[in-house]
Amino acid sequence: MIKDKKRWQEFSHNIRDGFKRILTVAPLTALTIQTTAHATSVVTQINSLSSFVLSIIQAAGVIVTAWGVFEFANGYQSHDGTQQTSALKRIIAGLIMVGAGTLMSMLGVS
């Protein structure tokens, strides 16, 4: 239908260029989508591992806090100032461990 030979050559050249561009961009698009899907699954697994480790730290914090309270009571009963000071340090450390999740979120880490 295009009778002019020059117009036909331009038209066919433009069509070829368009197909080349499509064939170049299509695999890159598929690769990008696949990489994004894999990245989100890895990030999900890392977040789940982070939550698990944080739960272990909080549970250990509860144990350390309870241990510090009992140690403080023992030091108070025996009038041992060194044991009381050590127990207070342990209680504070345990409370920090219990509040680690809140501290991490306040710092923007998790």
C-alpha atoms as a PDB file:
ATOM      1  CA  MET A   1       0.000   0.000   0.000  1.00  0.00           C
ATOM      2  CA  ILE A   2       2.904   2.360   0.445  1.00  0.00           C
ATOM      3  CA  LYS A   3       3.993   2.988  -3.093  1.00  0.00           C
ATOM      4  CA  ASP A   4       6.902   5.253  -2.496  1.00  0.00           C
ATOM      5  CA  LYS A   5      10.020   3.091  -2.108  1.00  0.00           C
ATOM      6  CA  LYS A   6      11.786   5.546   0.189  1.00  0.00           C
ATOM      7  CA  ARG A   7       8.816   5.715   2.562  1.00  0.00           C
ATOM      8  CA  TRP A   8       8.586   1.948   2.597  1.00  0.00           C
ATOM      9  CA  GLN A   9      12.271   1.623   3.535  1.00  0.00           C
ATOM     10  CA  GLU A  10      11.859   4.166   6.355  1.00  0.00           C
ATOM     11  CA  PHE A  11       8.765   2.379   7.563  1.00  0.00           C
ATOM     12  CA  SER A  12      10.441  -1.043   7.573  1.00  0.00           C
ATOM     13  CA  HIS A  13      13.558   0.407   9.207  1.00  0.00           C
ATOM     14  CA  ASN A  14      11.437   1.949  11.986  1.00  0.00           C
ATOM     15  CA  ILE A  15       9.608  -1.350  12.505  1.00  0.00           C
ATOM     16  CA  ARG A  16      12.930  -3.224  12.771  1.00  0.00           C
ATOM     17  CA  ASP A  17      14.283  -0.666  15.265  1.00  0.00           C
ATOM     18  CA  GLY A  18      11.127  -0.960  17.328  1.00  0.00           C
ATOM     19  CA  PHE A  19      11.383  -4.769  17.478  1.00  0.00           C
ATOM     20  CA  LYS A  20      15.073  -4.538  18.401  1.00  0.00           C
ATOM     21  CA  ARG A  21      14.246  -2.228  21.269  1.00  0.00           C
ATOM     22  CA  ILE A  22      11.422  -4.462  22.452  1.00  0.00           C
ATOM     23  CA  LEU A  23      13.631  -7.559  22.287  1.00  0.00           C
ATOM     24  CA  THR A  24      16.351  -5.740  24.202  1.00  0.00           C
ATOM     25  CA  VAL A  25      14.124  -4.367  26.962  1.00  0.00           C
ATOM     26  CA  ALA A  26      11.845  -7.384  27.509  1.00  0.00           C
ATOM     27  CA  PRO A  27      14.484  -9.736  28.988  1.00  0.00           C
ATOM     28  CA  LEU A  28      15.790  -6.954  31.234  1.00  0.00           C
ATOM     29  CA  THR A  29      12.288  -6.320  32.527  1.00  0.00           C
ATOM     30  CA  ALA A  30      11.780 -10.007  33.275  1.00  0.00           C
ATOM     31  CA  LEU A  31      15.162 -10.160  35.029  1.00  0.00           C
ATOM     32  CA  THR A  32      14.323  -7.120  37.154  1.00  0.00           C
ATOM     33  CA  ILE A  33      10.969  -8.557  38.219  1.00  0.00           C
ATOM     34  CA  GLN A  34      12.545 -11.910  39.078  1.00  0.00           C
ATOM     35  CA  THR A  35      15.343 -10.263  41.078  1.00  0.00           C
ATOM     36  CA  THR A  36      12.829  -8.185  43.004  1.00  0.00           C
ATOM     37  CA  ALA A  37      10.803 -11.283  43.850  1.00  0.00           C
ATOM     38  CA  HIS A  38      13.893 -13.084  45.146  1.00  0.00           C
ATOM     39  CA  ALA A  39      15.002 -10.024  47.109  1.00  0.00           C
ATOM     40  CA  THR A  40      11.668  -9.752  48.893  1.00  0.00           C
ATOM     41  CA  SER A  41      11.790 -13.426  49.902  1.00  0.00           C
ATOM     42  CA  VAL A  42      15.313 -12.968  51.285  1.00  0.00           C
ATOM     43  CA  VAL A  43      14.292  -9.821  53.179  1.00  0.00           C
ATOM     44  CA  THR A  44      11.278 -11.667  54.602  1.00  0.00           C
ATOM     45  CA  GLN A  45      13.508 -14.489  55.844  1.00  0.00           C
ATOM     46  CA  ILE A  46      15.991 -12.043  57.375  1.00  0.00           C
ATOM     47  CA  ASN A  47      13.176 -10.199  59.142  1.00  0.00           C
ATOM     48  CA  SER A  48      11.823 -13.471  60.497  1.00  0.00           C
ATOM     49  CA  LEU A  49      15.288 -14.467  61.758  1.00  0.00           C
ATOM     50  CA  SER A  50      15.697 -11.021  63.316  1.00  0.00           C
ATOM     51  CA  SER A  51      12.364 -11.382  65.127  1.00  0.00           C
ATOM     52  CA  PHE A  52      13.373 -14.832  66.393  1.00  0.00           C
ATOM     53  CA  VAL A  53      16.726 -13.593  67.738  1.00  0.00           C
ATOM     54  CA  LEU A  54      15.031 -10.586  69.342  1.00  0.00           C
ATOM     55  CA  SER A  55      12.545 -12.919  71.077  1.00  0.00           C
ATOM     56  CA  ILE A  56      15.423 -14.982  72.468  1.00  0.00           C
ATOM     57  CA  ILE A  57      17.133 -11.826  73.751  1.00  0.00           C
ATOM     58  CA  GLN A  58      13.927 -10.655  75.422  1.00  0.00           C
ATOM     59  CA  ALA A  59      13.394 -14.043  77.068  1.00  0.00           C
ATOM     60  CA  ALA A  60      16.971 -14.010  78.344  1.00  0.00           C
ATOM     61  CA  GLY A  61      16.339 -10.481  79.639  1.00  0.00           C
ATOM     62  CA  VAL A  62      13.433 -11.712  81.728  1.00  0.00           C
ATOM     63  CA  ILE A  63      15.627 -14.440  83.212  1.00  0.00           C
ATOM     64  CA  VAL A  64      18.493 -12.008  83.927  1.00  0.00           C
ATOM     65  CA  THR A  65      16.093  -9.522  85.542  1.00  0.00           C
ATOM     66  CA  ALA A  66      14.598 -12.217  87.784  1.00  0.00           C
ATOM     67  CA  TRP A  67      18.086 -13.423  88.712  1.00  0.00           C
ATOM     68  CA  GLY A  68      19.081  -9.841  89.595  1.00  0.00           C
ATOM     69  CA  VAL A  69      16.006  -9.369  91.777  1.00  0.00           C
ATOM     70  CA  PHE A  70      16.739 -12.569  93.725  1.00  0.00           C
ATOM     71  CA  GLU A  71      20.407 -11.650  94.039  1.00  0.00           C
ATOM     72  CA  PHE A  72      19.491  -8.156  95.291  1.00  0.00           C
ATOM     73  CA  ALA A  73      17.174  -9.664  97.899  1.00  0.00           C
ATOM     74  CA  ASN A  74      19.939 -12.004  99.019  1.00  0.00           C
ATOM     75  CA  GLY A  75      22.457  -9.147  99.218  1.00  0.00           C
ATOM     76  CA  TYR A  76      19.975  -6.977 101.109  1.00  0.00           C
ATOM     77  CA  GLN A  77      19.336  -9.755 103.620  1.00  0.00           C
ATOM     78  CA  SER A  78      23.061 -10.266 104.245  1.00  0.00           C
ATOM     79  CA  HIS A  79      23.847  -6.505 104.219  1.00  0.00           C
ATOM     80  CA  ASP A  80      26.391  -7.010 101.418  1.00  0.00           C
ATOM     81  CA  GLY A  81      26.725  -3.744  99.475  1.00  0.00           C
ATOM     82  CA  THR A  82      28.867  -5.244  96.705  1.00  0.00           C
ATOM     83  CA  GLN A  83      26.319  -7.941  95.985  1.00  0.00           C
ATOM     84  CA  GLN A  84      23.512  -5.383  95.982  1.00  0.00           C
ATOM     85  CA  THR A  85      25.378  -3.179  93.474  1.00  0.00           C
ATOM     86  CA  SER A  86      26.100  -6.160  91.261  1.00  0.00           C
ATOM     87  CA  ALA A  87      22.439  -7.184  91.450  1.00  0.00           C
ATOM     88  CA  LEU A  88      21.257  -3.695  90.470  1.00  0.00           C
ATOM     89  CA  LYS A  89      23.550  -3.769  87.438  1.00  0.00           C
ATOM     90  CA  ARG A  90      22.120  -7.158  86.501  1.00  0.00           C
ATOM     91  CA  ILE A  91      18.535  -5.890  86.883  1.00  0.00           C
ATOM     92  CA  ILE A  92      19.251  -2.885  84.657  1.00  0.00           C
ATOM     93  CA  ALA A  93      20.934  -5.091  82.050  1.00  0.00           C
ATOM     94  CA  GLY A  94      17.952  -7.454  82.086  1.00  0.00           C
ATOM     95  CA  LEU A  95      15.509  -4.588  81.641  1.00  0.00           C
ATOM     96  CA  ILE A  96      17.537  -3.314  78.686  1.00  0.00           C
ATOM     97  CA  MET A  97      17.398  -6.791  77.152  1.00  0.00           C
ATOM     98  CA  VAL A  98      13.641  -6.969  77.691  1.00  0.00           C
ATOM     99  CA  GLY A  99      13.188  -3.568  76.050  1.00  0.00           C
ATOM    100  CA  ALA A 100      15.590  -4.357  73.191  1.00  0.00           C
ATOM    101  CA  GLY A 101      12.771  -4.574  70.621  1.00  0.00           C
ATOM    102  CA  THR A 102      11.459  -1.162  71.541  1.00  0.00           C
ATOM    103  CA  LEU A 103      14.958   0.295  71.563  1.00  0.00           C
ATOM    104  CA  MET A 104      15.702  -1.176  68.128  1.00  0.00           C
ATOM    105  CA  SER A 105      12.514   0.233  66.651  1.00  0.00           C
ATOM    106  CA  MET A 106      13.235   3.656  68.206  1.00  0.00           C
ATOM    107  CA  LEU A 107      16.680   3.590  66.601  1.00  0.00           C
ATOM    108  CA  GLY A 108      15.121   2.551  63.292  1.00  0.00           C
ATOM    109  CA  VAL A 109      17.040  -0.713  63.023  1.00  0.00           C
ATOM    110  CA  SER A 110      14.146  -3.160  62.704  1.00  0.00           C
END
